[in-house]
All heavy atoms as atom14 arrays in JSON, in Angstrom:
{
  "sequence": "IGIREIRKHAAWYTAGYRNSSRLRGKINEAE",
  "atom14_mask": [
    [1, 1, 1, 1, 1, 1, 1, 1, 0, 0, 0, 0, 0, 0],
    [1, 1, 1, 1, 0, 0, 0, 0, 0, 0, 0, 0, 0, 0],
    [1, 1, 1, 1, 1, 1, 1, 1, 0, 0, 0, 0, 0, 0],
    [1, 1, 1, 1, 1, 1, 1, 1, 1, 1, 1, 0, 0, 0],
    [1, 1, 1, 1, 1, 1, 1, 1, 1, 0, 0, 0, 0, 0],
    [1, 1, 1, 1, 1, 1, 1, 1, 0, 0, 0, 0, 0, 0],
    [1, 1, 1, 1, 1, 1, 1, 1, 1, 1, 1, 0, 0, 0],
    [1, 1, 1, 1, 1, 1, 1, 1, 1, 0, 0, 0, 0, 0],
    [1, 1, 1, 1, 1, 1, 1, 1, 1, 1, 0, 0, 0, 0],
    [1, 1, 1, 1, 1, 0, 0, 0, 0, 0, 0, 0, 0, 0],
    [1, 1, 1, 1, 1, 0, 0, 0, 0, 0, 0, 0, 0, 0],
    [1, 1, 1, 1, 1, 1, 1, 1, 1, 1, 1, 1, 1, 1],
    [1, 1, 1, 1, 1, 1, 1, 1, 1, 1, 1, 1, 0, 0],
    [1, 1, 1, 1, 1, 1, 1, 0, 0, 0, 0, 0, 0, 0],
    [1, 1, 1, 1, 1, 0, 0, 0, 0, 0, 0, 0, 0, 0],
    [1, 1, 1, 1, 0, 0, 0, 0, 0, 0, 0, 0, 0, 0],
    [1, 1, 1, 1, 1, 1, 1, 1, 1, 1, 1, 1, 0, 0],
    [1, 1, 1, 1, 1, 1, 1, 1, 1, 1, 1, 0, 0, 0],
    [1, 1, 1, 1, 1, 1, 1, 1, 0, 0, 0, 0, 0, 0],
    [1, 1, 1, 1, 1, 1, 0, 0, 0, 0, 0, 0, 0, 0],
    [1, 1, 1, 1, 1, 1, 0, 0, 0, 0, 0, 0, 0, 0],
    [1, 1, 1, 1, 1, 1, 1, 1, 1, 1, 1, 0, 0, 0],
    [1, 1, 1, 1, 1, 1, 1, 1, 0, 0, 0, 0, 0, 0],
    [1, 1, 1, 1, 1, 1, 1, 1, 1, 1, 1, 0, 0, 0],
    [1, 1, 1, 1, 0, 0, 0, 0, 0, 0, 0, 0, 0, 0],
    [1, 1, 1, 1, 1, 1, 1, 1, 1, 0, 0, 0, 0, 0],
    [1, 1, 1, 1, 1, 1, 1, 1, 0, 0, 0, 0, 0, 0],
    [1, 1, 1, 1, 1, 1, 1, 1, 0, 0, 0, 0, 0, 0],
    [1, 1, 1, 1, 1, 1, 1, 1, 1, 0, 0, 0, 0, 0],
    [1, 1, 1, 1, 1, 0, 0, 0, 0, 0, 0, 0, 0, 0],
    [1, 1, 1, 1, 1, 1, 1, 1, 1, 0, 0, 0, 0, 0]
  ],
  "atom14_positions": [
    [[-34.58, 119.03, 104.95], [-33.13, 119.28, 104.89], [-32.7, 119.48, 103.44], [-31.91, 120.37, 103.13], [-32.34, 118.11, 105.54], [-32.62, 118.07, 107.04], [-30.85, 118.26, 105.29], [-32.07, 116.86, 107.76], [0.0, 0.0, 0.0], [0.0, 0.0, 0.0], [0.0, 0.0, 0.0], [0.0, 0.0, 0.0], [0.0, 0.0, 0.0], [0.0, 0.0, 0.0]],
    [[-33.22, 118.64, 102.56], [-32.8, 118.7, 101.14], [-33.0, 120.05, 100.5], [-32.09, 120.58, 99.84], [0.0, 0.0, 0.0], [0.0, 0.0, 0.0], [0.0, 0.0, 0.0], [0.0, 0.0, 0.0], [0.0, 0.0, 0.0], [0.0, 0.0, 0.0], [0.0, 0.0, 0.0], [0.0, 0.0, 0.0], [0.0, 0.0, 0.0], [0.0, 0.0, 0.0]],
    [[-34.17, 120.66, 100.72], [-34.44, 121.98, 100.11], [-33.53, 123.04, 100.71], [-33.0, 123.9, 100.03], [-35.94, 122.36, 100.31], [-36.8, 121.6, 99.28], [-36.16, 123.87, 100.17], [-36.57, 121.98, 97.82], [0.0, 0.0, 0.0], [0.0, 0.0, 0.0], [0.0, 0.0, 0.0], [0.0, 0.0, 0.0], [0.0, 0.0, 0.0], [0.0, 0.0, 0.0]],
    [[-33.32, 122.98, 102.02], [-32.45, 123.98, 102.64], [-31.01, 123.85, 102.2], [-30.32, 124.85, 102.02], [-32.59, 123.89, 104.18], [-33.8, 124.65, 104.68], [-34.42, 124.12, 105.94], [-35.66, 124.87, 106.22], [-36.82, 124.62, 105.63], [-36.92, 123.68, 104.72], [-37.89, 125.35, 105.92], [0.0, 0.0, 0.0], [0.0, 0.0, 0.0], [0.0, 0.0, 0.0]],
    [[-30.56, 122.61, 101.99], [-29.17, 122.42, 101.56], [-28.95, 122.76, 100.09], [-27.85, 123.11, 99.7], [-28.7, 120.98, 101.87], [-28.53, 120.77, 103.37], [-27.73, 119.52, 103.7], [-27.3, 118.81, 102.78], [-27.54, 119.27, 104.9], [0.0, 0.0, 0.0], [0.0, 0.0, 0.0], [0.0, 0.0, 0.0], [0.0, 0.0, 0.0], [0.0, 0.0, 0.0]],
    [[-29.99, 122.64, 99.27], [-29.82, 122.95, 97.84], [-29.7, 124.46, 97.6], [-29.19, 124.91, 96.58], [-30.98, 122.35, 96.99], [-30.57, 122.26, 95.51], [-32.24, 123.15, 97.12], [-29.43, 121.33, 95.19], [0.0, 0.0, 0.0], [0.0, 0.0, 0.0], [0.0, 0.0, 0.0], [0.0, 0.0, 0.0], [0.0, 0.0, 0.0], [0.0, 0.0, 0.0]],
    [[-30.15, 125.26, 98.57], [-30.16, 126.73, 98.37], [-28.77, 127.28, 98.05], [-28.61, 128.06, 97.12], [-30.76, 127.42, 99.61], [-32.25, 127.2, 99.77], [-32.7, 127.72, 101.11], [-34.14, 127.55, 101.31], [-34.76, 127.72, 102.48], [-34.03, 128.08, 103.54], [-36.04, 127.53, 102.61], [0.0, 0.0, 0.0], [0.0, 0.0, 0.0], [0.0, 0.0, 0.0]],
    [[-27.75, 126.87, 98.84], [-26.41, 127.41, 98.59], [-25.88, 126.92, 97.24], [-25.23, 127.68, 96.51], [-25.45, 127.02, 99.72], [-25.17, 125.54, 99.83], [-24.32, 125.2, 101.05], [-24.23, 123.68, 101.21], [-23.87, 123.26, 102.54], [0.0, 0.0, 0.0], [0.0, 0.0, 0.0], [0.0, 0.0, 0.0], [0.0, 0.0, 0.0], [0.0, 0.0, 0.0]],
    [[-26.17, 125.66, 96.9], [-25.74, 125.14, 95.61], [-26.4, 125.91, 94.46], [-25.73, 126.26, 93.48], [-26.1, 123.65, 95.48], [-25.29, 122.74, 96.35], [-24.01, 122.35, 96.05], [-25.6, 122.15, 97.53], [-23.55, 121.55, 97.0], [-24.5, 121.41, 97.91], [0.0, 0.0, 0.0], [0.0, 0.0, 0.0], [0.0, 0.0, 0.0], [0.0, 0.0, 0.0]],
    [[-27.7, 126.18, 94.61], [-28.43, 126.92, 93.55], [-27.82, 128.31, 93.36], [-27.72, 128.79, 92.23], [-29.9, 126.99, 93.9], [0.0, 0.0, 0.0], [0.0, 0.0, 0.0], [0.0, 0.0, 0.0], [0.0, 0.0, 0.0], [0.0, 0.0, 0.0], [0.0, 0.0, 0.0], [0.0, 0.0, 0.0], [0.0, 0.0, 0.0], [0.0, 0.0, 0.0]],
    [[-27.4, 128.94, 94.44], [-26.77, 130.27, 94.34], [-25.45, 130.17, 93.59], [-25.12, 131.02, 92.75], [-26.53, 130.83, 95.74], [0.0, 0.0, 0.0], [0.0, 0.0, 0.0], [0.0, 0.0, 0.0], [0.0, 0.0, 0.0], [0.0, 0.0, 0.0], [0.0, 0.0, 0.0], [0.0, 0.0, 0.0], [0.0, 0.0, 0.0], [0.0, 0.0, 0.0]],
    [[-24.68, 129.12, 93.86], [-23.41, 128.9, 93.13], [-23.67, 128.63, 91.65], [-22.99, 129.17, 90.78], [-22.62, 127.75, 93.73], [-22.06, 128.01, 95.09], [-21.64, 129.19, 95.6], [-21.85, 127.04, 96.14], [-21.2, 129.05, 96.9], [-21.3, 127.72, 97.26], [-22.07, 125.66, 96.24], [-20.98, 127.08, 98.45], [-21.73, 125.02, 97.43], [-21.21, 125.72, 98.5]],
    [[-24.64, 127.77, 91.37], [-24.93, 127.39, 89.97], [-25.28, 128.61, 89.12], [-24.92, 128.67, 87.95], [-26.13, 126.42, 89.93], [-25.81, 124.96, 90.15], [-26.22, 124.29, 91.3], [-25.14, 124.22, 89.19], [-25.95, 122.95, 91.52], [-24.87, 122.86, 89.38], [-25.28, 122.24, 90.54], [-25.02, 120.9, 90.73], [0.0, 0.0, 0.0], [0.0, 0.0, 0.0]],
    [[-26.03, 129.53, 89.7], [-26.59, 130.63, 88.89], [-25.75, 131.9, 88.89], [-26.06, 132.85, 88.2], [-28.01, 130.98, 89.39], [-27.94, 131.26, 90.8], [-28.98, 129.82, 89.17], [0.0, 0.0, 0.0], [0.0, 0.0, 0.0], [0.0, 0.0, 0.0], [0.0, 0.0, 0.0], [0.0, 0.0, 0.0], [0.0, 0.0, 0.0], [0.0, 0.0, 0.0]],
    [[-24.67, 131.93, 89.67], [-23.8, 133.13, 89.73], [-23.31, 133.46, 88.33], [-22.87, 132.6, 87.58], [-22.63, 132.86, 90.66], [0.0, 0.0, 0.0], [0.0, 0.0, 0.0], [0.0, 0.0, 0.0], [0.0, 0.0, 0.0], [0.0, 0.0, 0.0], [0.0, 0.0, 0.0], [0.0, 0.0, 0.0], [0.0, 0.0, 0.0], [0.0, 0.0, 0.0]],
    [[-23.43, 134.73, 87.98], [-22.94, 135.18, 86.68], [-23.97, 135.12, 85.56], [-23.72, 135.61, 84.46], [0.0, 0.0, 0.0], [0.0, 0.0, 0.0], [0.0, 0.0, 0.0], [0.0, 0.0, 0.0], [0.0, 0.0, 0.0], [0.0, 0.0, 0.0], [0.0, 0.0, 0.0], [0.0, 0.0, 0.0], [0.0, 0.0, 0.0], [0.0, 0.0, 0.0]],
    [[-25.12, 134.52, 85.81], [-26.18, 134.48, 84.81], [-27.12, 135.67, 85.02], [-27.21, 136.22, 86.12], [-26.96, 133.15, 84.88], [-26.17, 131.98, 84.33], [-25.25, 131.31, 85.13], [-26.34, 131.56, 83.01], [-24.51, 130.24, 84.64], [-25.62, 130.48, 82.52], [-24.7, 129.84, 83.32], [-23.98, 128.78, 82.83], [0.0, 0.0, 0.0], [0.0, 0.0, 0.0]],
    [[-27.83, 136.02, 83.96], [-28.75, 137.15, 84.02], [-29.82, 136.96, 85.09], [-30.34, 135.85, 85.24], [-29.4, 137.29, 82.62], [-30.03, 138.64, 82.4], [-30.46, 138.74, 80.96], [-31.49, 139.75, 80.84], [-32.49, 139.72, 79.96], [-32.57, 138.71, 79.12], [-33.35, 140.69, 79.9], [0.0, 0.0, 0.0], [0.0, 0.0, 0.0], [0.0, 0.0, 0.0]],
    [[-30.13, 138.0, 85.82], [-31.17, 137.98, 86.87], [-30.82, 137.06, 88.04], [-31.69, 136.71, 88.84], [-32.53, 137.57, 86.32], [-33.02, 138.51, 85.23], [-32.8, 139.72, 85.33], [-33.64, 137.98, 84.19], [0.0, 0.0, 0.0], [0.0, 0.0, 0.0], [0.0, 0.0, 0.0], [0.0, 0.0, 0.0], [0.0, 0.0, 0.0], [0.0, 0.0, 0.0]],
    [[-29.53, 136.66, 88.16], [-29.2, 135.66, 89.17], [-29.33, 136.18, 90.61], [-29.71, 135.44, 91.5], [-27.8, 135.08, 88.95], [-26.83, 136.08, 89.04], [0.0, 0.0, 0.0], [0.0, 0.0, 0.0], [0.0, 0.0, 0.0], [0.0, 0.0, 0.0], [0.0, 0.0, 0.0], [0.0, 0.0, 0.0], [0.0, 0.0, 0.0], [0.0, 0.0, 0.0]],
    [[-29.04, 137.46, 90.84], [-29.11, 137.97, 92.24], [-30.54, 138.0, 92.72], [-30.83, 137.66, 93.87], [-28.44, 139.34, 92.35], [-29.04, 140.25, 91.47], [0.0, 0.0, 0.0], [0.0, 0.0, 0.0], [0.0, 0.0, 0.0], [0.0, 0.0, 0.0], [0.0, 0.0, 0.0], [0.0, 0.0, 0.0], [0.0, 0.0, 0.0], [0.0, 0.0, 0.0]],
    [[-31.47, 138.38, 91.83], [-32.89, 138.39, 92.21], [-33.37, 136.96, 92.46], [-34.11, 136.68, 93.4], [-33.72, 139.06, 91.11], [-35.16, 139.37, 91.49], [-35.79, 140.28, 90.45], [-35.82, 139.65, 89.13], [-36.8, 138.84, 88.73], [-37.8, 138.57, 89.54], [-36.78, 138.32, 87.53], [0.0, 0.0, 0.0], [0.0, 0.0, 0.0], [0.0, 0.0, 0.0]],
    [[-32.91, 136.05, 91.62], [-33.29, 134.66, 91.73], [-32.8, 134.08, 93.08], [-33.57, 133.38, 93.76], [-32.69, 133.84, 90.59], [-32.86, 132.32, 90.66], [-34.32, 131.94, 90.46], [-31.98, 131.62, 89.65], [0.0, 0.0, 0.0], [0.0, 0.0, 0.0], [0.0, 0.0, 0.0], [0.0, 0.0, 0.0], [0.0, 0.0, 0.0], [0.0, 0.0, 0.0]],
    [[-31.59, 134.43, 93.48], [-31.03, 133.87, 94.72], [-31.88, 134.26, 95.93], [-32.05, 133.47, 96.85], [-29.57, 134.31, 94.9], [-28.61, 133.53, 94.02], [-27.18, 133.66, 94.48], [-26.64, 135.0, 94.32], [-26.13, 135.48, 93.18], [-26.11, 134.72, 92.09], [-25.64, 136.7, 93.12], [0.0, 0.0, 0.0], [0.0, 0.0, 0.0], [0.0, 0.0, 0.0]],
    [[-32.38, 135.48, 95.92], [-33.26, 135.89, 97.02], [-34.51, 135.02, 97.11], [-34.95, 134.64, 98.18], [0.0, 0.0, 0.0], [0.0, 0.0, 0.0], [0.0, 0.0, 0.0], [0.0, 0.0, 0.0], [0.0, 0.0, 0.0], [0.0, 0.0, 0.0], [0.0, 0.0, 0.0], [0.0, 0.0, 0.0], [0.0, 0.0, 0.0], [0.0, 0.0, 0.0]],
    [[-35.06, 134.69, 95.94], [-36.27, 133.86, 95.9], [-35.97, 132.39, 96.26], [-36.81, 131.72, 96.87], [-36.91, 133.92, 94.5], [-37.51, 135.3, 94.19], [-38.2, 135.24, 92.84], [-38.94, 136.54, 92.53], [-39.6, 136.5, 91.23], [0.0, 0.0, 0.0], [0.0, 0.0, 0.0], [0.0, 0.0, 0.0], [0.0, 0.0, 0.0], [0.0, 0.0, 0.0]],
    [[-34.78, 131.92, 95.87], [-34.41, 130.54, 96.18], [-34.42, 130.33, 97.68], [-34.85, 129.29, 98.17], [-33.02, 130.21, 95.6], [-33.09, 130.06, 94.07], [-32.45, 128.93, 96.23], [-31.73, 130.03, 93.38], [0.0, 0.0, 0.0], [0.0, 0.0, 0.0], [0.0, 0.0, 0.0], [0.0, 0.0, 0.0], [0.0, 0.0, 0.0], [0.0, 0.0, 0.0]],
    [[-33.98, 131.33, 98.43], [-33.92, 131.2, 99.9], [-35.3, 131.11, 100.55], [-35.4, 130.76, 101.72], [-33.13, 132.36, 100.5], [-31.64, 132.21, 100.22], [-31.14, 131.12, 100.11], [-30.95, 133.34, 100.13], [0.0, 0.0, 0.0], [0.0, 0.0, 0.0], [0.0, 0.0, 0.0], [0.0, 0.0, 0.0], [0.0, 0.0, 0.0], [0.0, 0.0, 0.0]],
    [[-36.33, 131.44, 99.77], [-37.69, 131.32, 100.28], [-38.39, 130.04, 99.84], [-39.49, 129.73, 100.29], [-38.52, 132.53, 99.81], [-38.01, 133.86, 100.38], [-38.6, 135.07, 99.66], [-39.56, 134.89, 98.88], [-38.08, 136.19, 99.87], [0.0, 0.0, 0.0], [0.0, 0.0, 0.0], [0.0, 0.0, 0.0], [0.0, 0.0, 0.0], [0.0, 0.0, 0.0]],
    [[-37.73, 129.27, 98.96], [-38.34, 128.03, 98.45], [-38.49, 127.03, 99.58], [-37.57, 126.79, 100.36], [-37.48, 127.44, 97.34], [0.0, 0.0, 0.0], [0.0, 0.0, 0.0], [0.0, 0.0, 0.0], [0.0, 0.0, 0.0], [0.0, 0.0, 0.0], [0.0, 0.0, 0.0], [0.0, 0.0, 0.0], [0.0, 0.0, 0.0], [0.0, 0.0, 0.0]],
    [[-39.68, 126.48, 99.69], [-39.97, 125.53, 100.79], [-40.1, 124.07, 100.29], [-40.09, 123.14, 101.09], [-41.28, 125.93, 101.49], [-41.18, 127.19, 102.32], [-40.25, 127.05, 103.53], [-40.14, 125.94, 104.06], [-39.63, 128.06, 103.92], [0.0, 0.0, 0.0], [0.0, 0.0, 0.0], [0.0, 0.0, 0.0], [0.0, 0.0, 0.0], [0.0, 0.0, 0.0]]
  ]
}
């Protein structure tokens, strides 16, 4: 549960930073 719930937070944290959209795609695959 913890990893799945951190995904949305990680997307918010990195918005506006360089390479953030590519990173968000990878975050959703983190297990």
